[in-house]
């Protein structure tokens, strides 16, 4: 699953996250989650039942993660961020046309 898809699934719901980067670009997603304080992070090497339980307790009971997640949720909704992101990806891969760009080039 692409990183934008992972972020898209959790963040718009205002749900705190636990990030466990496994491959490729996931460390970047993990860094953003840590930076924005929308969840906690751990490495796959450091993951065990006790560690995961502690992380779950932290994101469920510390309101900073829920508050930050909901703040981002509201910003995404206000800017219609998911649609804008999907449109940009479709344009980047040549899957749709860009009416704004086409109108400007016709003028």
PDB file of N, CA and C in Angstrom:
ATOM      1  N   UNK A   1       0.854  -1.172   0.000  1.00  0.00           N
ATOM      2  CA  UNK A   1       0.000   0.000   0.000  1.00  0.00           C
ATOM      3  C   UNK A   1       0.899   1.234   0.000  1.00  0.00           C
ATOM      4  N   UNK A   2       0.681   2.167  -0.930  1.00  0.00           N
ATOM      5  CA  UNK A   2       1.504   3.372  -0.983  1.00  0.00           C
ATOM      6  C   UNK A   2       1.366   4.206   0.280  1.00  0.00           C
ATOM      7  N   UNK A   3       2.409   4.978   0.592  1.00  0.00           N
ATOM      8  CA  UNK A   3       2.396   5.764   1.831  1.00  0.00           C
ATOM      9  C   UNK A   3       1.252   6.747   1.885  1.00  0.00           C
ATOM     10  N   UNK A   4       0.922   7.392   0.763  1.00  0.00           N
ATOM     11  CA  UNK A   4      -0.181   8.355   0.800  1.00  0.00           C
ATOM     12  C   UNK A   4      -1.486   7.657   1.110  1.00  0.00           C
ATOM     13  N   UNK A   5      -1.611   6.399   0.701  1.00  0.00           N
ATOM     14  CA  UNK A   5      -2.829   5.655   0.982  1.00  0.00           C
ATOM     15  C   UNK A   5      -2.936   5.355   2.474  1.00  0.00           C
ATOM     16  N   UNK A   6      -1.825   4.986   3.098  1.00  0.00           N
ATOM     17  CA  UNK A   6      -1.829   4.712   4.536  1.00  0.00           C
ATOM     18  C   UNK A   6      -2.202   5.967   5.308  1.00  0.00           C
ATOM     19  N   UNK A   7      -1.583   7.079   4.965  1.00  0.00           N
ATOM     20  CA  UNK A   7      -1.844   8.332   5.645  1.00  0.00           C
ATOM     21  C   UNK A   7      -3.294   8.763   5.405  1.00  0.00           C
ATOM     22  N   UNK A   8      -3.782   8.554   4.189  1.00  0.00           N
ATOM     23  CA  UNK A   8      -5.132   8.937   3.824  1.00  0.00           C
ATOM     24  C   UNK A   8      -6.160   8.161   4.628  1.00  0.00           C
ATOM     25  N   UNK A   9      -5.893   6.895   4.890  1.00  0.00           N
ATOM     26  CA  UNK A   9      -6.872   6.072   5.593  1.00  0.00           C
ATOM     27  C   UNK A   9      -7.032   6.470   7.054  1.00  0.00           C
ATOM     28  N   UNK A  10      -5.960   6.782   7.735  1.00  0.00           N
ATOM     29  CA  UNK A  10      -6.031   7.060   9.171  1.00  0.00           C
ATOM     30  C   UNK A  10      -6.273   8.531   9.495  1.00  0.00           C
ATOM     31  N   UNK A  11      -5.549   9.413   8.840  1.00  0.00           N
ATOM     32  CA  UNK A  11      -5.576  10.818   9.217  1.00  0.00           C
ATOM     33  C   UNK A  11      -6.940  11.485   9.047  1.00  0.00           C
ATOM     34  N   UNK A  12      -7.663  11.293   7.935  1.00  0.00           N
ATOM     35  CA  UNK A  12      -8.940  11.976   7.803  1.00  0.00           C
ATOM     36  C   UNK A  12      -9.971  11.541   8.835  1.00  0.00           C
ATOM     37  N   UNK A  13      -9.757  10.432   9.462  1.00  0.00           N
ATOM     38  CA  UNK A  13     -10.688   9.961  10.474  1.00  0.00           C
ATOM     39  C   UNK A  13     -10.388  10.566  11.841  1.00  0.00           C
ATOM     40  N   UNK A  14      -9.280  11.297  11.971  1.00  0.00           N
ATOM     41  CA  UNK A  14      -8.919  11.892  13.246  1.00  0.00           C
ATOM     42  C   UNK A  14      -8.511  10.860  14.276  1.00  0.00           C
ATOM     43  N   UNK A  15      -7.933   9.769  13.805  1.00  0.00           N
ATOM     44  CA  UNK A  15      -7.568   8.659  14.681  1.00  0.00           C
ATOM     45  C   UNK A  15      -6.071   8.683  14.935  1.00  0.00           C
ATOM     46  N   UNK A  16      -5.650   8.663  16.208  1.00  0.00           N
ATOM     47  CA  UNK A  16      -4.217   8.548  16.481  1.00  0.00           C
ATOM     48  C   UNK A  16      -3.666   7.264  15.870  1.00  0.00           C
ATOM     49  N   UNK A  17      -2.387   7.299  15.518  1.00  0.00           N
ATOM     50  CA  UNK A  17      -1.772   6.203  14.785  1.00  0.00           C
ATOM     51  C   UNK A  17      -0.578   5.626  15.521  1.00  0.00           C
ATOM     52  N   UNK A  18      -0.259   4.400  15.204  1.00  0.00           N
ATOM     53  CA  UNK A  18       1.009   3.800  15.603  1.00  0.00           C
ATOM     54  C   UNK A  18       1.696   3.399  14.310  1.00  0.00           C
ATOM     55  N   UNK A  19       2.867   3.958  14.078  1.00  0.00           N
ATOM     56  CA  UNK A  19       3.593   3.709  12.843  1.00  0.00           C
ATOM     57  C   UNK A  19       4.732   2.731  13.093  1.00  0.00           C
ATOM     58  N   UNK A  20       4.779   1.713  12.253  1.00  0.00           N
ATOM     59  CA  UNK A  20       5.842   0.711  12.301  1.00  0.00           C
ATOM     60  C   UNK A  20       6.399   0.614  10.886  1.00  0.00           C
ATOM     61  N   UNK A  21       7.432   1.404  10.569  1.00  0.00           N
ATOM     62  CA  UNK A  21       7.940   1.384   9.198  1.00  0.00           C
ATOM     63  C   UNK A  21       8.583   0.038   8.878  1.00  0.00           C
ATOM     64  N   UNK A  22       8.223  -0.499   7.730  1.00  0.00           N
ATOM     65  CA  UNK A  22       8.731  -1.813   7.346  1.00  0.00           C
ATOM     66  C   UNK A  22       9.574  -1.723   6.069  1.00  0.00           C
ATOM     67  N   UNK A  23       9.095  -1.006   5.066  1.00  0.00           N
ATOM     68  CA  UNK A  23       9.805  -0.981   3.793  1.00  0.00           C
ATOM     69  C   UNK A  23       9.825   0.411   3.187  1.00  0.00           C
ATOM     70  N   UNK A  24      10.657   0.583   2.220  1.00  0.00           N
ATOM     71  CA  UNK A  24      10.765   1.707   1.294  1.00  0.00           C
ATOM     72  C   UNK A  24      10.585   3.076   1.942  1.00  0.00           C
ATOM     73  N   UNK A  25       9.475   3.732   1.642  1.00  0.00           N
ATOM     74  CA  UNK A  25       9.281   5.117   2.060  1.00  0.00           C
ATOM     75  C   UNK A  25       8.552   5.252   3.390  1.00  0.00           C
ATOM     76  N   UNK A  26       8.276   4.159   4.043  1.00  0.00           N
ATOM     77  CA  UNK A  26       7.530   4.239   5.299  1.00  0.00           C
ATOM     78  C   UNK A  26       8.265   4.999   6.409  1.00  0.00           C
ATOM     79  N   UNK A  27       9.587   5.017   6.446  1.00  0.00           N
ATOM     80  CA  UNK A  27      10.235   5.869   7.459  1.00  0.00           C
ATOM     81  C   UNK A  27       9.860   7.346   7.321  1.00  0.00           C
ATOM     82  N   UNK A  28       9.603   7.802   6.110  1.00  0.00           N
ATOM     83  CA  UNK A  28       9.163   9.183   5.914  1.00  0.00           C
ATOM     84  C   UNK A  28       7.789   9.432   6.510  1.00  0.00           C
ATOM     85  N   UNK A  29       6.883   8.485   6.331  1.00  0.00           N
ATOM     86  CA  UNK A  29       5.553   8.592   6.917  1.00  0.00           C
ATOM     87  C   UNK A  29       5.674   8.597   8.436  1.00  0.00           C
ATOM     88  N   UNK A  30       6.497   7.712   8.939  1.00  0.00           N
ATOM     89  CA  UNK A  30       6.721   7.626  10.383  1.00  0.00           C
ATOM     90  C   UNK A  30       7.250   8.945  10.927  1.00  0.00           C
ATOM     91  N   UNK A  31       8.169   9.551  10.213  1.00  0.00           N
ATOM     92  CA  UNK A  31       8.733  10.831  10.651  1.00  0.00           C
ATOM     93  C   UNK A  31       7.661  11.912  10.701  1.00  0.00           C
ATOM     94  N   UNK A  32       6.753  11.930   9.728  1.00  0.00           N
ATOM     95  CA  UNK A  32       5.673  12.926   9.733  1.00  0.00           C
ATOM     96  C   UNK A  32       4.702  12.692  10.885  1.00  0.00           C
ATOM     97  N   UNK A  33       4.405  11.444  11.170  1.00  0.00           N
ATOM     98  CA  UNK A  33       3.515  11.127  12.293  1.00  0.00           C
ATOM     99  C   UNK A  33       4.146  11.608  13.596  1.00  0.00           C
ATOM    100  N   UNK A  34       5.437  11.359  13.764  1.00  0.00           N
ATOM    101  CA  UNK A  34       6.133  11.796  14.976  1.00  0.00           C
ATOM    102  C   UNK A  34       6.201  13.319  15.044  1.00  0.00           C
ATOM    103  N   UNK A  35       6.508  13.956  13.918  1.00  0.00           N
ATOM    104  CA  UNK A  35       6.646  15.408  13.890  1.00  0.00           C
ATOM    105  C   UNK A  35       5.326  16.113  14.207  1.00  0.00           C
ATOM    106  N   UNK A  36       4.244  15.613  13.662  1.00  0.00           N
ATOM    107  CA  UNK A  36       2.937  16.234  13.877  1.00  0.00           C
ATOM    108  C   UNK A  36       2.256  15.739  15.147  1.00  0.00           C
ATOM    109  N   UNK A  37       2.880  14.801  15.817  1.00  0.00           N
ATOM    110  CA  UNK A  37       2.354  14.227  17.062  1.00  0.00           C
ATOM    111  C   UNK A  37       0.919  13.717  16.884  1.00  0.00           C
ATOM    112  N   UNK A  38       0.708  12.982  15.784  1.00  0.00           N
ATOM    113  CA  UNK A  38      -0.585  12.356  15.550  1.00  0.00           C
ATOM    114  C   UNK A  38      -0.550  10.884  15.949  1.00  0.00           C
ATOM    115  N   UNK A  39       0.562  10.444  16.482  1.00  0.00           N
ATOM    116  CA  UNK A  39       0.699   9.061  16.916  1.00  0.00           C
ATOM    117  C   UNK A  39       2.101   8.791  17.406  1.00  0.00           C
ATOM    118  N   UNK A  40       2.342   7.549  17.719  1.00  0.00           N
ATOM    119  CA  UNK A  40       3.647   7.104  18.200  1.00  0.00           C
ATOM    120  C   UNK A  40       4.284   6.221  17.132  1.00  0.00           C
ATOM    121  N   UNK A  41       5.584   6.073  17.223  1.00  0.00           N
ATOM    122  CA  UNK A  41       6.312   5.262  16.267  1.00  0.00           C
ATOM    123  C   UNK A  41       7.205   4.260  16.992  1.00  0.00           C
ATOM    124  N   UNK A  42       7.505   3.189  16.298  1.00  0.00           N
ATOM    125  CA  UNK A  42       8.441   2.198  16.802  1.00  0.00           C
ATOM    126  C   UNK A  42       9.083   1.512  15.610  1.00  0.00           C
ATOM    127  N   UNK A  43      10.177   0.856  15.840  1.00  0.00           N
ATOM    128  CA  UNK A  43      10.799   0.086  14.765  1.00  0.00           C
ATOM    129  C   UNK A  43      10.289  -1.346  14.824  1.00  0.00           C
ATOM    130  N   UNK A  44      10.401  -2.029  13.731  1.00  0.00           N
ATOM    131  CA  UNK A  44       9.987  -3.424  13.696  1.00  0.00           C
ATOM    132  C   UNK A  44      10.853  -4.248  14.651  1.00  0.00           C
ATOM    133  N   UNK A  45      12.129  -3.888  14.733  1.00  0.00           N
ATOM    134  CA  UNK A  45      13.041  -4.596  15.648  1.00  0.00           C
ATOM    135  C   UNK A  45      12.629  -4.420  17.103  1.00  0.00           C
ATOM    136  N   UNK A  46      12.088  -3.242  17.445  1.00  0.00           N
ATOM    137  CA  UNK A  46      11.716  -2.965  18.823  1.00  0.00           C
ATOM    138  C   UNK A  46      10.296  -3.356  19.172  1.00  0.00           C
ATOM    139  N   UNK A  47       9.630  -4.038  18.261  1.00  0.00           N
ATOM    140  CA  UNK A  47       8.222  -4.352  18.457  1.00  0.00           C
ATOM    141  C   UNK A  47       8.045  -5.690  19.160  1.00  0.00           C
ATOM    142  N   UNK A  48       7.333  -5.648  20.265  1.00  0.00           N
ATOM    143  CA  UNK A  48       6.886  -6.858  20.945  1.00  0.00           C
ATOM    144  C   UNK A  48       5.554  -6.524  21.613  1.00  0.00           C
ATOM    145  N   UNK A  49       4.927  -7.503  22.215  1.00  0.00           N
ATOM    146  CA  UNK A  49       3.590  -7.295  22.785  1.00  0.00           C
ATOM    147  C   UNK A  49       3.587  -6.202  23.843  1.00  0.00           C
ATOM    148  N   UNK A  50       4.588  -6.182  24.680  1.00  0.00           N
ATOM    149  CA  UNK A  50       4.650  -5.189  25.747  1.00  0.00           C
ATOM    150  C   UNK A  50       4.821  -3.776  25.175  1.00  0.00           C
ATOM    151  N   UNK A  51       5.728  -3.641  24.208  1.00  0.00           N
ATOM    152  CA  UNK A  51       5.966  -2.341  23.585  1.00  0.00           C
ATOM    153  C   UNK A  51       4.709  -1.856  22.866  1.00  0.00           C
ATOM    154  N   UNK A  52       4.073  -2.735  22.103  1.00  0.00           N
ATOM    155  CA  UNK A  52       2.865  -2.356  21.392  1.00  0.00           C
ATOM    156  C   UNK A  52       1.752  -1.955  22.361  1.00  0.00           C
ATOM    157  N   UNK A  53       1.618  -2.695  23.442  1.00  0.00           N
ATOM    158  CA  UNK A  53       0.612  -2.362  24.450  1.00  0.00           C
ATOM    159  C   UNK A  53       0.857  -0.973  25.032  1.00  0.00           C
ATOM    160  N   UNK A  54       2.107  -0.662  25.310  1.00  0.00           N
ATOM    161  CA  UNK A  54       2.453   0.662  25.840  1.00  0.00           C
ATOM    162  C   UNK A  54       2.154   1.769  24.844  1.00  0.00           C
ATOM    163  N   UNK A  55       2.452   1.514  23.558  1.00  0.00           N
ATOM    164  CA  UNK A  55       2.165   2.503  22.525  1.00  0.00           C
ATOM    165  C   UNK A  55       0.661   2.733  22.387  1.00  0.00           C
ATOM    166  N   UNK A  56      -0.103   1.648  22.414  1.00  0.00           N
ATOM    167  CA  UNK A  56      -1.558   1.773  22.337  1.00  0.00           C
ATOM    168  C   UNK A  56      -2.112   2.575  23.507  1.00  0.00           C
ATOM    169  N   UNK A  57      -1.628   2.294  24.704  1.00  0.00           N
ATOM    170  CA  UNK A  57      -2.067   3.057  25.873  1.00  0.00           C
ATOM    171  C   UNK A  57      -1.753   4.541  25.699  1.00  0.00           C
ATOM    172  N   UNK A  58      -0.552   4.821  25.203  1.00  0.00           N
ATOM    173  CA  UNK A  58      -0.138   6.213  25.029  1.00  0.00           C
ATOM    174  C   UNK A  58      -1.040   6.954  24.052  1.00  0.00           C
ATOM    175  N   UNK A  59      -1.305   6.370  22.885  1.00  0.00           N
ATOM    176  CA  UNK A  59      -2.116   7.094  21.895  1.00  0.00           C
ATOM    177  C   UNK A  59      -3.592   7.145  22.275  1.00  0.00           C
ATOM    178  N   UNK A  60      -4.065   6.158  23.052  1.00  0.00           N
ATOM    179  CA  UNK A  60      -5.462   6.178  23.467  1.00  0.00           C
ATOM    180  C   UNK A  60      -5.719   7.122  24.634  1.00  0.00           C
ATOM    181  N   UNK A  61      -4.765   7.234  25.539  1.00  0.00           N
ATOM    182  CA  UNK A  61      -5.026   7.979  26.771  1.00  0.00           C
ATOM    183  C   UNK A  61      -4.362   9.342  26.852  1.00  0.00           C
ATOM    184  N   UNK A  62      -3.440   9.640  25.954  1.00  0.00           N
ATOM    185  CA  UNK A  62      -2.839  10.963  25.930  1.00  0.00           C
ATOM    186  C   UNK A  62      -3.598  11.788  24.893  1.00  0.00           C
ATOM    187  N   UNK A  63      -4.340  12.809  25.331  1.00  0.00           N
ATOM    188  CA  UNK A  63      -5.205  13.551  24.407  1.00  0.00           C
ATOM    189  C   UNK A  63      -4.455  14.324  23.326  1.00  0.00           C
ATOM    190  N   UNK A  64      -3.167  14.543  23.484  1.00  0.00           N
ATOM    191  CA  UNK A  64      -2.419  15.305  22.474  1.00  0.00           C
ATOM    192  C   UNK A  64      -2.490  14.624  21.109  1.00  0.00           C
ATOM    193  N   UNK A  65      -2.441  13.301  21.078  1.00  0.00           N
ATOM    194  CA  UNK A  65      -2.472  12.575  19.800  1.00  0.00           C
ATOM    195  C   UNK A  65      -3.852  12.666  19.151  1.00  0.00           C
ATOM    196  N   UNK A  66      -4.880  12.510  19.910  1.00  0.00           N
ATOM    197  CA  UNK A  66      -6.241  12.620  19.388  1.00  0.00           C
ATOM    198  C   UNK A  66      -6.504  14.054  18.923  1.00  0.00           C
ATOM    199  N   UNK A  67      -6.109  15.029  19.724  1.00  0.00           N
ATOM    200  CA  UNK A  67      -6.337  16.429  19.372  1.00  0.00           C
ATOM    201  C   UNK A  67      -5.591  16.804  18.089  1.00  0.00           C
ATOM    202  N   UNK A  68      -4.333  16.387  17.983  1.00  0.00           N
ATOM    203  CA  UNK A  68      -3.558  16.694  16.780  1.00  0.00           C
ATOM    204  C   UNK A  68      -4.126  15.976  15.555  1.00  0.00           C
ATOM    205  N   UNK A  69      -4.555  14.731  15.733  1.00  0.00           N
ATOM    206  CA  UNK A  69      -5.156  13.989  14.619  1.00  0.00           C
ATOM    207  C   UNK A  69      -6.440  14.662  14.149  1.00  0.00           C
ATOM    208  N   UNK A  70      -7.233  15.101  15.078  1.00  0.00           N
ATOM    209  CA  UNK A  70      -8.490  15.771  14.715  1.00  0.00           C
ATOM    210  C   UNK A  70      -8.245  17.130  14.086  1.00  0.00           C
ATOM    211  N   UNK A  71      -7.201  17.805  14.522  1.00  0.00           N
ATOM    212  CA  UNK A  71      -6.853  19.090  13.919  1.00  0.00           C
ATOM    213  C   UNK A  71      -6.483  18.898  12.448  1.00  0.00           C
ATOM    214  N   UNK A  72      -5.696  17.877  12.161  1.00  0.00           N
ATOM    215  CA  UNK A  72      -5.338  17.588  10.771  1.00  0.00           C
ATOM    216  C   UNK A  72      -6.570  17.132  10.000  1.00  0.00           C
ATOM    217  N   UNK A  73      -7.423  16.355  10.640  1.00  0.00           N
ATOM    218  CA  UNK A  73      -8.663  15.907  10.006  1.00  0.00           C
ATOM    219  C   UNK A  73      -9.477  17.122   9.548  1.00  0.00           C
ATOM    220  N   UNK A  74      -9.611  18.121  10.411  1.00  0.00           N
ATOM    221  CA  UNK A  74     -10.381  19.318  10.076  1.00  0.00           C
ATOM    222  C   UNK A  74      -9.726  20.101   8.945  1.00  0.00           C
ATOM    223  N   UNK A  75      -8.395  20.203   8.964  1.00  0.00           N
ATOM    224  CA  UNK A  75      -7.691  20.926   7.902  1.00  0.00           C
ATOM    225  C   UNK A  75      -7.860  20.235   6.555  1.00  0.00           C
ATOM    226  N   UNK A  76      -7.805  18.908   6.542  1.00  0.00           N
ATOM    227  CA  UNK A  76      -8.005  18.161   5.297  1.00  0.00           C
ATOM    228  C   UNK A  76      -9.417  18.378   4.777  1.00  0.00           C
ATOM    229  N   UNK A  77     -10.387  18.312   5.664  1.00  0.00           N
ATOM    230  CA  UNK A  77     -11.779  18.503   5.252  1.00  0.00           C
ATOM    231  C   UNK A  77     -12.012  19.924   4.739  1.00  0.00           C
ATOM    232  N   UNK A  78     -11.439  20.903   5.421  1.00  0.00           N
ATOM    233  CA  UNK A  78     -11.640  22.302   5.039  1.00  0.00           C
ATOM    234  C   UNK A  78     -11.081  22.587   3.650  1.00  0.00           C
ATOM    235  N   UNK A  79      -9.957  22.011   3.344  1.00  0.00           N
ATOM    236  CA  UNK A  79      -9.310  22.247   2.049  1.00  0.00           C
ATOM    237  C   UNK A  79      -9.713  21.228   0.992  1.00  0.00           C
ATOM    238  N   UNK A  80     -10.608  20.298   1.364  1.00  0.00           N
ATOM    239  CA  UNK A  80     -10.986  19.216   0.458  1.00  0.00           C
ATOM    240  C   UNK A  80      -9.726  18.485   0.006  1.00  0.00           C
ATOM    241  N   UNK A  81      -8.842  18.273   0.961  1.00  0.00           N
ATOM    242  CA  UNK A  81      -7.500  17.765   0.695  1.00  0.00           C
ATOM    243  C   UNK A  81      -7.436  16.426   0.006  1.00  0.00           C
ATOM    244  N   UNK A  82      -8.332  15.524   0.325  1.00  0.00           N
ATOM    245  CA  UNK A  82      -8.270  14.207  -0.301  1.00  0.00           C
ATOM    246  C   UNK A  82      -8.580  14.282  -1.785  1.00  0.00           C
ATOM    247  N   UNK A  83      -9.561  15.070  -2.148  1.00  0.00           N
ATOM    248  CA  UNK A  83      -9.885  15.221  -3.568  1.00  0.00           C
ATOM    249  C   UNK A  83      -8.771  15.928  -4.315  1.00  0.00           C
ATOM    250  N   UNK A  84      -8.203  16.944  -3.704  1.00  0.00           N
ATOM    251  CA  UNK A  84      -7.101  17.672  -4.331  1.00  0.00           C
ATOM    252  C   UNK A  84      -5.913  16.724  -4.532  1.00  0.00           C
ATOM    253  N   UNK A  85      -5.586  15.937  -3.513  1.00  0.00           N
ATOM    254  CA  UNK A  85      -4.471  15.001  -3.621  1.00  0.00           C
ATOM    255  C   UNK A  85      -4.737  13.959  -4.703  1.00  0.00           C
ATOM    256  N   UNK A  86      -5.940  13.425  -4.736  1.00  0.00           N
ATOM    257  CA  UNK A  86      -6.282  12.431  -5.765  1.00  0.00           C
ATOM    258  C   UNK A  86      -6.194  13.048  -7.158  1.00  0.00           C
ATOM    259  N   UNK A  87      -6.688  14.276  -7.321  1.00  0.00           N
ATOM    260  CA  UNK A  87      -6.611  14.955  -8.616  1.00  0.00           C
ATOM    261  C   UNK A  87      -5.166  15.152  -9.051  1.00  0.00           C
ATOM    262  N   UNK A  88      -4.316  15.574  -8.115  1.00  0.00           N
ATOM    263  CA  UNK A  88      -2.907  15.783  -8.454  1.00  0.00           C
ATOM    264  C   UNK A  88      -2.231  14.480  -8.867  1.00  0.00           C
ATOM    265  N   UNK A  89      -2.532  13.406  -8.167  1.00  0.00           N
ATOM    266  CA  UNK A  89      -1.952  12.106  -8.533  1.00  0.00           C
ATOM    267  C   UNK A  89      -2.441  11.663  -9.909  1.00  0.00           C
ATOM    268  N   UNK A  90      -3.723  11.837 -10.168  1.00  0.00           N
ATOM    269  CA  UNK A  90      -4.258  11.456 -11.474  1.00  0.00           C
ATOM    270  C   UNK A  90      -3.621  12.282 -12.588  1.00  0.00           C
ATOM    271  N   UNK A  91      -3.437  13.563 -12.341  1.00  0.00           N
ATOM    272  CA  UNK A  91      -2.797  14.419 -13.333  1.00  0.00           C
ATOM    273  C   UNK A  91      -1.345  14.016 -13.541  1.00  0.00           C
ATOM    274  N   UNK A  92      -0.638  13.726 -12.447  1.00  0.00           N
ATOM    275  CA  UNK A  92       0.768  13.351 -12.534  1.00  0.00           C
ATOM    276  C   UNK A  92       0.960  12.078 -13.356  1.00  0.00           C
ATOM    277  N   UNK A  93       0.014  11.162 -13.259  1.00  0.00           N
ATOM    278  CA  UNK A  93       0.112   9.911 -13.996  1.00  0.00           C
ATOM    279  C   UNK A  93      -0.646   9.948 -15.324  1.00  0.00           C
ATOM    280  N   UNK A  94      -1.128  11.127 -15.706  1.00  0.00           N
ATOM    281  CA  UNK A  94      -1.793  11.296 -16.982  1.00  0.00           C
ATOM    282  C   UNK A  94      -3.136  10.588 -17.078  1.00  0.00           C
ATOM    283  N   UNK A  95      -3.810  10.422 -15.956  1.00  0.00           N
ATOM    284  CA  UNK A  95      -5.080   9.709 -15.956  1.00  0.00           C
ATOM    285  C   UNK A  95      -6.280  10.608 -16.196  1.00  0.00           C
ATOM    286  N   UNK A  96      -6.104  11.916 -16.025  1.00  0.00           N
ATOM    287  CA  UNK A  96      -7.195  12.862 -16.254  1.00  0.00           C
ATOM    288  C   UNK A  96      -6.629  14.113 -16.892  1.00  0.00           C
ATOM    289  N   UNK A  97      -7.504  14.986 -17.265  1.00  0.00           N
ATOM    290  CA  UNK A  97      -7.081  16.277 -17.796  1.00  0.00           C
ATOM    291  C   UNK A  97      -7.160  17.325 -16.688  1.00  0.00           C
ATOM    292  N   UNK A  98      -6.498  18.440 -16.909  1.00  0.00           N
ATOM    293  CA  UNK A  98      -6.509  19.536 -15.951  1.00  0.00           C
ATOM    294  C   UNK A  98      -7.243  20.709 -16.590  1.00  0.00           C
ATOM    295  N   UNK A  99      -8.537  20.905 -16.233  1.00  0.00           N
ATOM    296  CA  UNK A  99      -9.312  21.966 -16.870  1.00  0.00           C
ATOM    297  C   UNK A  99      -8.731  23.356 -16.641  1.00  0.00           C
ATOM    298  N   UNK A 100      -8.137  23.601 -15.513  1.00  0.00           N
ATOM    299  CA  UNK A 100      -7.558  24.926 -15.237  1.00  0.00           C
ATOM    300  C   UNK A 100      -6.380  25.173 -16.165  1.00  0.00           C
ATOM    301  N   UNK A 101      -5.512  24.170 -16.301  1.00  0.00           N
ATOM    302  CA  UNK A 101      -4.350  24.295 -17.172  1.00  0.00           C
ATOM    303  C   UNK A 101      -4.789  24.441 -18.620  1.00  0.00           C
ATOM    304  N   UNK A 102      -5.782  23.653 -19.045  1.00  0.00           N
ATOM    305  CA  UNK A 102      -6.267  23.707 -20.423  1.00  0.00           C
ATOM    306  C   UNK A 102      -6.890  25.062 -20.721  1.00  0.00           C
ATOM    307  N   UNK A 103      -7.669  25.624 -19.797  1.00  0.00           N
ATOM    308  CA  UNK A 103      -8.283  26.936 -19.996  1.00  0.00           C
ATOM    309  C   UNK A 103      -7.225  28.015 -20.131  1.00  0.00           C
ATOM    310  N   UNK A 104      -6.189  27.921 -19.314  1.00  0.00           N
ATOM    311  CA  UNK A 104      -5.113  28.914 -19.374  1.00  0.00           C
ATOM    312  C   UNK A 104      -4.350  28.816 -20.684  1.00  0.00           C
ATOM    313  N   UNK A 105      -4.131  27.617 -21.190  1.00  0.00           N
ATOM    314  CA  UNK A 105      -3.363  27.460 -22.421  1.00  0.00           C
ATOM    315  C   UNK A 105      -4.166  27.858 -23.655  1.00  0.00           C
ATOM    316  N   UNK A 106      -5.511  27.830 -23.552  1.00  0.00           N
ATOM    317  CA  UNK A 106      -6.363  28.225 -24.671  1.00  0.00           C
ATOM    318  C   UNK A 106      -6.489  29.744 -24.785  1.00  0.00           C
ATOM    319  N   UNK A 107      -6.228  30.468 -23.700  1.00  0.00           N
ATOM    320  CA  UNK A 107      -6.406  31.917 -23.683  1.00  0.00           C
ATOM    321  C   UNK A 107      -5.330  32.636 -24.456  1.00  0.00           C
TER     322      UNK A 107
END
